[in-house]
Amino acid sequence: MIIVETRYEHIVLTQEQTPLIVGTTMKVIELVLEKQANGWSAEELHFQFPYLSLGQIYSALAYYADHQEELDQDIKQRLALVDQIRTQTPQTTLHERIRIQRGLF
C-alpha cells in the first residue's frame, strides 16, 4: 500500500486518497462518524479508542474540518453502497426471526 504524508501530523493518505490515522487502520471518516453518531468530544473519543492519542484525534478532526465537503461526499457514497448491498442481499432465516421477535414484519 502506498502511503502519502499530509500537512497534518497524524494523517496520511492511502493510494486511493483515503485519509488514515497514522499507525492505525482507522479512516478519518470512521472517527468522524463515531463523533457525529454519539455526540462524543475528543476526550470521549480517546476514552472509546484508547489506542488513539488525543493528538491523533484532534489531527483527524482538523483534517475533517478542512476537507468536510469532500469527506461528507465520501461518507454519502459509502452509505449508499451499504444500502444497495443491503437491498440486494436476501434476508436469512435469522434476520426474519429477529424481525418477527421485534414486531418488524
PDB file of N, CA and C in Angstrom:
ATOM      1  N   MET A   1       0.838  -1.166   0.000  1.00  0.00           N
ATOM      2  CA  MET A   1       0.000   0.000   0.000  1.00  0.00           C
ATOM      3  C   MET A   1       0.886   1.233   0.000  1.00  0.00           C
ATOM      4  N   ILE A   2       0.602   2.162  -0.848  1.00  0.00           N
ATOM      5  CA  ILE A   2       1.352   3.410  -0.910  1.00  0.00           C
ATOM      6  C   ILE A   2       0.703   4.407   0.047  1.00  0.00           C
ATOM      7  N   ILE A   3       1.517   5.006   0.893  1.00  0.00           N
ATOM      8  CA  ILE A   3       1.049   5.988   1.871  1.00  0.00           C
ATOM      9  C   ILE A   3       1.693   7.328   1.551  1.00  0.00           C
ATOM     10  N   VAL A   4       0.895   8.386   1.563  1.00  0.00           N
ATOM     11  CA  VAL A   4       1.387   9.729   1.297  1.00  0.00           C
ATOM     12  C   VAL A   4       1.169  10.576   2.540  1.00  0.00           C
ATOM     13  N   GLU A   5       2.222  11.270   2.972  1.00  0.00           N
ATOM     14  CA  GLU A   5       2.088  12.150   4.129  1.00  0.00           C
ATOM     15  C   GLU A   5       1.270  13.380   3.757  1.00  0.00           C
ATOM     16  N   THR A   6       0.670  13.968   4.765  1.00  0.00           N
ATOM     17  CA  THR A   6      -0.089  15.201   4.585  1.00  0.00           C
ATOM     18  C   THR A   6       0.525  16.268   5.484  1.00  0.00           C
ATOM     19  N   ARG A   7      -0.019  17.468   5.438  1.00  0.00           N
ATOM     20  CA  ARG A   7       0.480  18.516   6.335  1.00  0.00           C
ATOM     21  C   ARG A   7      -0.081  18.354   7.749  1.00  0.00           C
ATOM     22  N   TYR A   8      -0.925  17.338   7.942  1.00  0.00           N
ATOM     23  CA  TYR A   8      -1.478  17.025   9.253  1.00  0.00           C
ATOM     24  C   TYR A   8      -0.586  15.958   9.870  1.00  0.00           C
ATOM     25  N   GLU A   9      -0.035  16.244  11.023  1.00  0.00           N
ATOM     26  CA  GLU A   9       0.993  15.394  11.620  1.00  0.00           C
ATOM     27  C   GLU A   9       0.597  13.925  11.720  1.00  0.00           C
ATOM     28  N   HIS A  10      -0.641  13.640  12.039  1.00  0.00           N
ATOM     29  CA  HIS A  10      -1.056  12.261  12.306  1.00  0.00           C
ATOM     30  C   HIS A  10      -1.930  11.660  11.211  1.00  0.00           C
ATOM     31  N   ILE A  11      -1.969  12.282  10.037  1.00  0.00           N
ATOM     32  CA  ILE A  11      -2.842  11.819   8.958  1.00  0.00           C
ATOM     33  C   ILE A  11      -2.022  11.539   7.709  1.00  0.00           C
ATOM     34  N   VAL A  12      -2.282  10.384   7.097  1.00  0.00           N
ATOM     35  CA  VAL A  12      -1.672  10.023   5.818  1.00  0.00           C
ATOM     36  C   VAL A  12      -2.791   9.677   4.845  1.00  0.00           C
ATOM     37  N   LEU A  13      -2.458   9.699   3.562  1.00  0.00           N
ATOM     38  CA  LEU A  13      -3.421   9.331   2.524  1.00  0.00           C
ATOM     39  C   LEU A  13      -3.001   8.004   1.915  1.00  0.00           C
ATOM     40  N   THR A  14      -3.964   7.122   1.715  1.00  0.00           N
ATOM     41  CA  THR A  14      -3.694   5.853   1.042  1.00  0.00           C
ATOM     42  C   THR A  14      -3.573   6.117  -0.452  1.00  0.00           C
ATOM     43  N   GLN A  15      -3.258   5.072  -1.173  1.00  0.00           N
ATOM     44  CA  GLN A  15      -3.161   5.157  -2.631  1.00  0.00           C
ATOM     45  C   GLN A  15      -4.483   5.638  -3.230  1.00  0.00           C
ATOM     46  N   GLU A  16      -5.586   5.300  -2.577  1.00  0.00           N
ATOM     47  CA  GLU A  16      -6.923   5.703  -3.052  1.00  0.00           C
ATOM     48  C   GLU A  16      -7.315   7.085  -2.533  1.00  0.00           C
ATOM     49  N   GLN A  17      -6.365   7.786  -1.896  1.00  0.00           N
ATOM     50  CA  GLN A  17      -6.584   9.128  -1.338  1.00  0.00           C
ATOM     51  C   GLN A  17      -7.520   9.126  -0.126  1.00  0.00           C
ATOM     52  N   THR A  18      -7.582   8.012   0.572  1.00  0.00           N
ATOM     53  CA  THR A  18      -8.385   7.912   1.791  1.00  0.00           C
ATOM     54  C   THR A  18      -7.527   8.325   2.980  1.00  0.00           C
ATOM     55  N   PRO A  19      -7.952   9.325   3.748  1.00  0.00           N
ATOM     56  CA  PRO A  19      -7.157   9.739   4.902  1.00  0.00           C
ATOM     57  C   PRO A  19      -7.259   8.742   6.057  1.00  0.00           C
ATOM     58  N   LEU A  20      -6.095   8.314   6.545  1.00  0.00           N
ATOM     59  CA  LEU A  20      -5.992   7.377   7.662  1.00  0.00           C
ATOM     60  C   LEU A  20      -5.254   8.032   8.810  1.00  0.00           C
ATOM     61  N   ILE A  21      -5.521   7.551  10.012  1.00  0.00           N
ATOM     62  CA  ILE A  21      -4.767   7.987  11.175  1.00  0.00           C
ATOM     63  C   ILE A  21      -3.484   7.157  11.219  1.00  0.00           C
ATOM     64  N   VAL A  22      -2.344   7.828  11.282  1.00  0.00           N
ATOM     65  CA  VAL A  22      -1.029   7.177  11.242  1.00  0.00           C
ATOM     66  C   VAL A  22      -0.925   6.069  12.282  1.00  0.00           C
ATOM     67  N   GLY A  23      -0.373   4.939  11.851  1.00  0.00           N
ATOM     68  CA  GLY A  23      -0.139   3.830  12.761  1.00  0.00           C
ATOM     69  C   GLY A  23      -1.361   3.000  13.072  1.00  0.00           C
ATOM     70  N   THR A  24      -2.465   3.272  12.398  1.00  0.00           N
ATOM     71  CA  THR A  24      -3.705   2.531  12.622  1.00  0.00           C
ATOM     72  C   THR A  24      -4.318   2.189  11.263  1.00  0.00           C
ATOM     73  N   THR A  25      -5.413   1.468  11.314  1.00  0.00           N
ATOM     74  CA  THR A  25      -6.194   1.227  10.096  1.00  0.00           C
ATOM     75  C   THR A  25      -7.473   2.065  10.108  1.00  0.00           C
ATOM     76  N   MET A  26      -7.579   2.989  11.072  1.00  0.00           N
ATOM     77  CA  MET A  26      -8.802   3.784  11.196  1.00  0.00           C
ATOM     78  C   MET A  26      -8.800   4.950  10.211  1.00  0.00           C
ATOM     79  N   LYS A  27      -9.865   4.993   9.423  1.00  0.00           N
ATOM     80  CA  LYS A  27     -10.064   6.102   8.498  1.00  0.00           C
ATOM     81  C   LYS A  27     -10.575   7.314   9.278  1.00  0.00           C
ATOM     82  N   VAL A  28     -10.221   8.496   8.789  1.00  0.00           N
ATOM     83  CA  VAL A  28     -10.700   9.728   9.412  1.00  0.00           C
ATOM     84  C   VAL A  28     -12.226   9.723   9.445  1.00  0.00           C
ATOM     85  N   ILE A  29     -12.869   9.268   8.365  1.00  0.00           N
ATOM     86  CA  ILE A  29     -14.332   9.303   8.335  1.00  0.00           C
ATOM     87  C   ILE A  29     -14.945   8.357   9.363  1.00  0.00           C
ATOM     88  N   GLU A  30     -14.255   7.274   9.715  1.00  0.00           N
ATOM     89  CA  GLU A  30     -14.780   6.372  10.747  1.00  0.00           C
ATOM     90  C   GLU A  30     -14.827   7.083  12.094  1.00  0.00           C
ATOM     91  N   LEU A  31     -13.770   7.830  12.410  1.00  0.00           N
ATOM     92  CA  LEU A  31     -13.745   8.572  13.663  1.00  0.00           C
ATOM     93  C   LEU A  31     -14.806   9.669  13.659  1.00  0.00           C
ATOM     94  N   VAL A  32     -14.930  10.349  12.538  1.00  0.00           N
ATOM     95  CA  VAL A  32     -15.924  11.423  12.415  1.00  0.00           C
ATOM     96  C   VAL A  32     -17.343  10.867  12.566  1.00  0.00           C
ATOM     97  N   LEU A  33     -17.611   9.722  11.954  1.00  0.00           N
ATOM     98  CA  LEU A  33     -18.941   9.121  12.080  1.00  0.00           C
ATOM     99  C   LEU A  33     -19.246   8.740  13.527  1.00  0.00           C
ATOM    100  N   GLU A  34     -18.254   8.251  14.254  1.00  0.00           N
ATOM    101  CA  GLU A  34     -18.444   7.945  15.678  1.00  0.00           C
ATOM    102  C   GLU A  34     -18.765   9.222  16.452  1.00  0.00           C
ATOM    103  N   LYS A  35     -18.043  10.282  16.146  1.00  0.00           N
ATOM    104  CA  LYS A  35     -18.279  11.570  16.821  1.00  0.00           C
ATOM    105  C   LYS A  35     -19.694  12.064  16.531  1.00  0.00           C
ATOM    106  N   GLN A  36     -20.089  12.013  15.269  1.00  0.00           N
ATOM    107  CA  GLN A  36     -21.410  12.507  14.878  1.00  0.00           C
ATOM    108  C   GLN A  36     -22.535  11.640  15.443  1.00  0.00           C
ATOM    109  N   ALA A  37     -22.378  10.333  15.361  1.00  0.00           N
ATOM    110  CA  ALA A  37     -23.429   9.420  15.798  1.00  0.00           C
ATOM    111  C   ALA A  37     -23.659   9.491  17.301  1.00  0.00           C
ATOM    112  N   ASN A  38     -22.594   9.681  18.059  1.00  0.00           N
ATOM    113  CA  ASN A  38     -22.697   9.626  19.514  1.00  0.00           C
ATOM    114  C   ASN A  38     -22.553  10.975  20.204  1.00  0.00           C
ATOM    115  N   GLY A  39     -22.184  12.001  19.447  1.00  0.00           N
ATOM    116  CA  GLY A  39     -22.000  13.324  20.039  1.00  0.00           C
ATOM    117  C   GLY A  39     -20.799  13.392  20.972  1.00  0.00           C
ATOM    118  N   TRP A  40     -19.799  12.564  20.707  1.00  0.00           N
ATOM    119  CA  TRP A  40     -18.647  12.475  21.592  1.00  0.00           C
ATOM    120  C   TRP A  40     -17.662  13.615  21.374  1.00  0.00           C
ATOM    121  N   SER A  41     -17.070  14.056  22.463  1.00  0.00           N
ATOM    122  CA  SER A  41     -15.977  15.027  22.421  1.00  0.00           C
ATOM    123  C   SER A  41     -14.691  14.293  22.053  1.00  0.00           C
ATOM    124  N   ALA A  42     -13.628  15.044  21.823  1.00  0.00           N
ATOM    125  CA  ALA A  42     -12.329  14.421  21.539  1.00  0.00           C
ATOM    126  C   ALA A  42     -11.887  13.558  22.712  1.00  0.00           C
ATOM    127  N   GLU A  43     -12.150  14.029  23.920  1.00  0.00           N
ATOM    128  CA  GLU A  43     -11.759  13.269  25.111  1.00  0.00           C
ATOM    129  C   GLU A  43     -12.542  11.959  25.208  1.00  0.00           C
ATOM    130  N   GLU A  44     -13.827  11.993  24.860  1.00  0.00           N
ATOM    131  CA  GLU A  44     -14.627  10.766  24.886  1.00  0.00           C
ATOM    132  C   GLU A  44     -14.183   9.815  23.778  1.00  0.00           C
ATOM    133  N   LEU A  45     -13.837  10.360  22.622  1.00  0.00           N
ATOM    134  CA  LEU A  45     -13.306   9.518  21.552  1.00  0.00           C
ATOM    135  C   LEU A  45     -12.029   8.823  22.021  1.00  0.00           C
ATOM    136  N   HIS A  46     -11.191   9.559  22.746  1.00  0.00           N
ATOM    137  CA  HIS A  46      -9.956   8.981  23.279  1.00  0.00           C
ATOM    138  C   HIS A  46     -10.278   7.871  24.284  1.00  0.00           C
ATOM    139  N   PHE A  47     -11.303   8.072  25.092  1.00  0.00           N
ATOM    140  CA  PHE A  47     -11.717   7.039  26.045  1.00  0.00           C
ATOM    141  C   PHE A  47     -12.220   5.797  25.312  1.00  0.00           C
ATOM    142  N   GLN A  48     -13.002   6.003  24.254  1.00  0.00           N
ATOM    143  CA  GLN A  48     -13.575   4.894  23.492  1.00  0.00           C
ATOM    144  C   GLN A  48     -12.531   4.186  22.625  1.00  0.00           C
ATOM    145  N   PHE A  49     -11.533   4.925  22.180  1.00  0.00           N
ATOM    146  CA  PHE A  49     -10.473   4.389  21.325  1.00  0.00           C
ATOM    147  C   PHE A  49      -9.122   4.699  21.971  1.00  0.00           C
ATOM    148  N   PRO A  50      -8.800   4.017  23.055  1.00  0.00           N
ATOM    149  CA  PRO A  50      -7.600   4.362  23.828  1.00  0.00           C
ATOM    150  C   PRO A  50      -6.293   4.169  23.063  1.00  0.00           C
ATOM    151  N   TYR A  51      -6.325   3.448  21.957  1.00  0.00           N
ATOM    152  CA  TYR A  51      -5.113   3.286  21.161  1.00  0.00           C
ATOM    153  C   TYR A  51      -4.812   4.528  20.322  1.00  0.00           C
ATOM    154  N   LEU A  52      -5.759   5.482  20.275  1.00  0.00           N
ATOM    155  CA  LEU A  52      -5.537   6.757  19.589  1.00  0.00           C
ATOM    156  C   LEU A  52      -5.125   7.805  20.615  1.00  0.00           C
ATOM    157  N   SER A  53      -4.112   8.575  20.285  1.00  0.00           N
ATOM    158  CA  SER A  53      -3.726   9.678  21.165  1.00  0.00           C
ATOM    159  C   SER A  53      -4.663  10.859  20.907  1.00  0.00           C
ATOM    160  N   LEU A  54      -4.707  11.777  21.857  1.00  0.00           N
ATOM    161  CA  LEU A  54      -5.511  12.986  21.639  1.00  0.00           C
ATOM    162  C   LEU A  54      -4.982  13.757  20.437  1.00  0.00           C
ATOM    163  N   GLY A  55      -3.671  13.736  20.230  1.00  0.00           N
ATOM    164  CA  GLY A  55      -3.086  14.400  19.062  1.00  0.00           C
ATOM    165  C   GLY A  55      -3.607  13.811  17.764  1.00  0.00           C
ATOM    166  N   GLN A  56      -3.688  12.483  17.707  1.00  0.00           N
ATOM    167  CA  GLN A  56      -4.220  11.823  16.513  1.00  0.00           C
ATOM    168  C   GLN A  56      -5.681  12.203  16.293  1.00  0.00           C
ATOM    169  N   ILE A  57      -6.442  12.233  17.371  1.00  0.00           N
ATOM    170  CA  ILE A  57      -7.871  12.555  17.276  1.00  0.00           C
ATOM    171  C   ILE A  57      -8.066  13.988  16.820  1.00  0.00           C
ATOM    172  N   TYR A  58      -7.364  14.927  17.448  1.00  0.00           N
ATOM    173  CA  TYR A  58      -7.502  16.331  17.056  1.00  0.00           C
ATOM    174  C   TYR A  58      -7.027  16.551  15.618  1.00  0.00           C
ATOM    175  N   SER A  59      -5.978  15.860  15.211  1.00  0.00           N
ATOM    176  CA  SER A  59      -5.488  15.981  13.848  1.00  0.00           C
ATOM    177  C   SER A  59      -6.531  15.468  12.855  1.00  0.00           C
ATOM    178  N   ALA A  60      -7.167  14.337  13.183  1.00  0.00           N
ATOM    179  CA  ALA A  60      -8.219  13.785  12.315  1.00  0.00           C
ATOM    180  C   ALA A  60      -9.405  14.729  12.223  1.00  0.00           C
ATOM    181  N   LEU A  61      -9.798  15.307  13.356  1.00  0.00           N
ATOM    182  CA  LEU A  61     -10.932  16.240  13.352  1.00  0.00           C
ATOM    183  C   LEU A  61     -10.588  17.521  12.586  1.00  0.00           C
ATOM    184  N   ALA A  62      -9.334  17.963  12.689  1.00  0.00           N
ATOM    185  CA  ALA A  62      -8.902  19.148  11.936  1.00  0.00           C
ATOM    186  C   ALA A  62      -8.902  18.844  10.437  1.00  0.00           C
ATOM    187  N   TYR A  63      -8.423  17.658  10.080  1.00  0.00           N
ATOM    188  CA  TYR A  63      -8.426  17.267   8.671  1.00  0.00           C
ATOM    189  C   TYR A  63      -9.856  17.257   8.140  1.00  0.00           C
ATOM    190  N   TYR A  64     -10.767  16.699   8.923  1.00  0.00           N
ATOM    191  CA  TYR A  64     -12.171  16.667   8.506  1.00  0.00           C
ATOM    192  C   TYR A  64     -12.722  18.083   8.336  1.00  0.00           C
ATOM    193  N   ALA A  65     -12.441  18.943   9.299  1.00  0.00           N
ATOM    194  CA  ALA A  65     -12.952  20.323   9.231  1.00  0.00           C
ATOM    195  C   ALA A  65     -12.455  21.031   7.971  1.00  0.00           C
ATOM    196  N   ASP A  66     -11.210  20.775   7.587  1.00  0.00           N
ATOM    197  CA  ASP A  66     -10.639  21.428   6.408  1.00  0.00           C
ATOM    198  C   ASP A  66     -11.054  20.770   5.092  1.00  0.00           C
ATOM    199  N   HIS A  67     -11.581  19.558   5.144  1.00  0.00           N
ATOM    200  CA  HIS A  67     -11.973  18.814   3.941  1.00  0.00           C
ATOM    201  C   HIS A  67     -13.401  18.277   4.057  1.00  0.00           C
ATOM    202  N   GLN A  68     -14.240  19.000   4.778  1.00  0.00           N
ATOM    203  CA  GLN A  68     -15.570  18.494   5.134  1.00  0.00           C
ATOM    204  C   GLN A  68     -16.429  18.157   3.923  1.00  0.00           C
ATOM    205  N   GLU A  69     -16.465  19.016   2.944  1.00  0.00           N
ATOM    206  CA  GLU A  69     -17.331  18.761   1.786  1.00  0.00           C
ATOM    207  C   GLU A  69     -16.927  17.474   1.070  1.00  0.00           C
ATOM    208  N   GLU A  70     -15.636  17.312   0.848  1.00  0.00           N
ATOM    209  CA  GLU A  70     -15.111  16.118   0.174  1.00  0.00           C
ATOM    210  C   GLU A  70     -15.375  14.849   0.984  1.00  0.00           C
ATOM    211  N   LEU A  71     -15.138  14.913   2.289  1.00  0.00           N
ATOM    212  CA  LEU A  71     -15.328  13.727   3.130  1.00  0.00           C
ATOM    213  C   LEU A  71     -16.801  13.413   3.338  1.00  0.00           C
ATOM    214  N   ASP A  72     -17.639  14.436   3.429  1.00  0.00           N
ATOM    215  CA  ASP A  72     -19.080  14.183   3.533  1.00  0.00           C
ATOM    216  C   ASP A  72     -19.596  13.483   2.285  1.00  0.00           C
ATOM    217  N   GLN A  73     -19.062  13.853   1.128  1.00  0.00           N
ATOM    218  CA  GLN A  73     -19.451  13.187  -0.124  1.00  0.00           C
ATOM    219  C   GLN A  73     -19.001  11.727  -0.100  1.00  0.00           C
ATOM    220  N   ASP A  74     -17.802  11.465   0.418  1.00  0.00           N
ATOM    221  CA  ASP A  74     -17.301  10.095   0.539  1.00  0.00           C
ATOM    222  C   ASP A  74     -18.201   9.284   1.467  1.00  0.00           C
ATOM    223  N   ILE A  75     -18.581   9.870   2.590  1.00  0.00           N
ATOM    224  CA  ILE A  75     -19.478   9.193   3.541  1.00  0.00           C
ATOM    225  C   ILE A  75     -20.806   8.866   2.858  1.00  0.00           C
ATOM    226  N   LYS A  76     -21.339   9.840   2.139  1.00  0.00           N
ATOM    227  CA  LYS A  76     -22.617   9.651   1.453  1.00  0.00           C
ATOM    228  C   LYS A  76     -22.532   8.500   0.447  1.00  0.00           C
ATOM    229  N   GLN A  77     -21.444   8.439  -0.310  1.00  0.00           N
ATOM    230  CA  GLN A  77     -21.276   7.369  -1.299  1.00  0.00           C
ATOM    231  C   GLN A  77     -21.145   6.012  -0.619  1.00  0.00           C
ATOM    232  N   ARG A  78     -20.410   5.958   0.477  1.00  0.00           N
ATOM    233  CA  ARG A  78     -20.238   4.693   1.194  1.00  0.00           C
ATOM    234  C   ARG A  78     -21.566   4.205   1.777  1.00  0.00           C
ATOM    235  N   LEU A  79     -22.354   5.118   2.328  1.00  0.00           N
ATOM    236  CA  LEU A  79     -23.650   4.734   2.890  1.00  0.00           C
ATOM    237  C   LEU A  79     -24.608   4.279   1.790  1.00  0.00           C
ATOM    238  N   ALA A  80     -24.542   4.920   0.629  1.00  0.00           N
ATOM    239  CA  ALA A  80     -25.380   4.500  -0.498  1.00  0.00           C
ATOM    240  C   ALA A  80     -24.998   3.092  -0.948  1.00  0.00           C
ATOM    241  N   LEU A  81     -23.710   2.789  -0.949  1.00  0.00           N
ATOM    242  CA  LEU A  81     -23.259   1.449  -1.322  1.00  0.00           C
ATOM    243  C   LEU A  81     -23.752   0.417  -0.312  1.00  0.00           C
ATOM    244  N   VAL A  82     -23.701   0.751   0.965  1.00  0.00           N
ATOM    245  CA  VAL A  82     -24.202  -0.159   2.004  1.00  0.00           C
ATOM    246  C   VAL A  82     -25.692  -0.411   1.799  1.00  0.00           C
ATOM    247  N   ASP A  83     -26.455   0.641   1.530  1.00  0.00           N
ATOM    248  CA  ASP A  83     -27.890   0.483   1.285  1.00  0.00           C
ATOM    249  C   ASP A  83     -28.152  -0.395   0.063  1.00  0.00           C
ATOM    250  N   GLN A  84     -27.357  -0.198  -0.985  1.00  0.00           N
ATOM    251  CA  GLN A  84     -27.518  -1.001  -2.198  1.00  0.00           C
ATOM    252  C   GLN A  84     -27.238  -2.474  -1.911  1.00  0.00           C
ATOM    253  N   ILE A  85     -26.158  -2.736  -1.207  1.00  0.00           N
ATOM    254  CA  ILE A  85     -25.815  -4.123  -0.867  1.00  0.00           C
ATOM    255  C   ILE A  85     -26.897  -4.734   0.017  1.00  0.00           C
ATOM    256  N   ARG A  86     -27.388  -3.959   0.969  1.00  0.00           N
ATOM    257  CA  ARG A  86     -28.414  -4.453   1.883  1.00  0.00           C
ATOM    258  C   ARG A  86     -29.686  -4.828   1.133  1.00  0.00           C
ATOM    259  N   THR A  87     -30.081  -4.031   0.157  1.00  0.00           N
ATOM    260  CA  THR A  87     -31.312  -4.333  -0.580  1.00  0.00           C
ATOM    261  C   THR A  87     -31.127  -5.505  -1.539  1.00  0.00           C
ATOM    262  N   GLN A  88     -29.898  -5.755  -1.969  1.00  0.00           N
ATOM    263  CA  GLN A  88     -29.630  -6.846  -2.908  1.00  0.00           C
ATOM    264  C   GLN A  88     -29.322  -8.168  -2.209  1.00  0.00           C
ATOM    265  N   THR A  89     -29.152  -8.131  -0.904  1.00  0.00           N
ATOM    266  CA  THR A  89     -28.803  -9.331  -0.153  1.00  0.00           C
ATOM    267  C   THR A  89     -30.062  -9.935   0.444  1.00  0.00           C
ATOM    268  N   PRO A  90     -30.337 -11.195   0.109  1.00  0.00           N
ATOM    269  CA  PRO A  90     -31.542 -11.819   0.675  1.00  0.00           C
ATOM    270  C   PRO A  90     -31.414 -11.973   2.187  1.00  0.00           C
ATOM    271  N   GLN A  91     -32.546 -11.821   2.869  1.00  0.00           N
ATOM    272  CA  GLN A  91     -32.544 -11.983   4.315  1.00  0.00           C
ATOM    273  C   GLN A  91     -32.421 -13.451   4.668  1.00  0.00           C
ATOM    274  N   THR A  92     -31.685 -13.707   5.724  1.00  0.00           N
ATOM    275  CA  THR A  92     -31.537 -15.069   6.215  1.00  0.00           C
ATOM    276  C   THR A  92     -32.684 -15.388   7.171  1.00  0.00           C
ATOM    277  N   THR A  93     -32.798 -16.627   7.518  1.00  0.00           N
ATOM    278  CA  THR A  93     -33.819 -17.047   8.475  1.00  0.00           C
ATOM    279  C   THR A  93     -33.637 -16.309   9.797  1.00  0.00           C
ATOM    280  N   LEU A  94     -32.383 -16.106  10.217  1.00  0.00           N
ATOM    281  CA  LEU A  94     -32.117 -15.386  11.458  1.00  0.00           C
ATOM    282  C   LEU A  94     -32.667 -13.966  11.386  1.00  0.00           C
ATOM    283  N   HIS A  95     -32.444 -13.293  10.255  1.00  0.00           N
ATOM    284  CA  HIS A  95     -32.991 -11.946  10.086  1.00  0.00           C
ATOM    285  C   HIS A  95     -34.513 -11.950  10.244  1.00  0.00           C
ATOM    286  N   GLU A  96     -35.138 -12.917   9.630  1.00  0.00           N
ATOM    287  CA  GLU A  96     -36.594 -12.997   9.686  1.00  0.00           C
ATOM    288  C   GLU A  96     -37.076 -13.231  11.116  1.00  0.00           C
ATOM    289  N   ARG A  97     -36.415 -14.122  11.855  1.00  0.00           N
ATOM    290  CA  ARG A  97     -36.807 -14.389  13.243  1.00  0.00           C
ATOM    291  C   ARG A  97     -36.644 -13.146  14.112  1.00  0.00           C
ATOM    292  N   ILE A  98     -35.549 -12.429  13.918  1.00  0.00           N
ATOM    293  CA  ILE A  98     -35.322 -11.207  14.702  1.00  0.00           C
ATOM    294  C   ILE A  98     -36.386 -10.174  14.386  1.00  0.00           C
ATOM    295  N   ARG A  99     -36.710 -10.017  13.118  1.00  0.00           N
ATOM    296  CA  ARG A  99     -37.749  -9.048  12.726  1.00  0.00           C
ATOM    297  C   ARG A  99     -39.088  -9.419  13.347  1.00  0.00           C
ATOM    298  N   ILE A 100     -39.423 -10.693  13.358  1.00  0.00           N
ATOM    299  CA  ILE A 100     -40.685 -11.146  13.958  1.00  0.00           C
ATOM    300  C   ILE A 100     -40.670 -10.899  15.454  1.00  0.00           C
ATOM    301  N   GLN A 101     -39.555 -11.236  16.117  1.00  0.00           N
ATOM    302  CA  GLN A 101     -39.451 -11.020  17.565  1.00  0.00           C
ATOM    303  C   GLN A 101     -39.605  -9.548  17.920  1.00  0.00           C
ATOM    304  N   ARG A 102     -39.125  -8.682  17.083  1.00  0.00           N
ATOM    305  CA  ARG A 102     -39.176  -7.234  17.353  1.00  0.00           C
ATOM    306  C   ARG A 102     -40.448  -6.595  16.794  1.00  0.00           C
ATOM    307  N   GLY A 103     -41.268  -7.389  16.166  1.00  0.00           N
ATOM    308  CA  GLY A 103     -42.513  -6.859  15.616  1.00  0.00           C
ATOM    309  C   GLY A 103     -42.311  -6.035  14.364  1.00  0.00           C
ATOM    310  N   LEU A 104     -41.278  -6.346  13.589  1.00  0.00           N
ATOM    311  CA  LEU A 104     -40.951  -5.588  12.385  1.00  0.00           C
ATOM    312  C   LEU A 104     -41.297  -6.355  11.113  1.00  0.00           C
ATOM    313  N   PHE A 105     -42.395  -7.065  11.093  1.00  0.00           N
ATOM    314  CA  PHE A 105     -42.735  -7.956   9.970  1.00  0.00           C
ATOM    315  C   PHE A 105     -42.438  -7.287   8.683  1.00  0.00           C
TER     316      PHE A 105
END
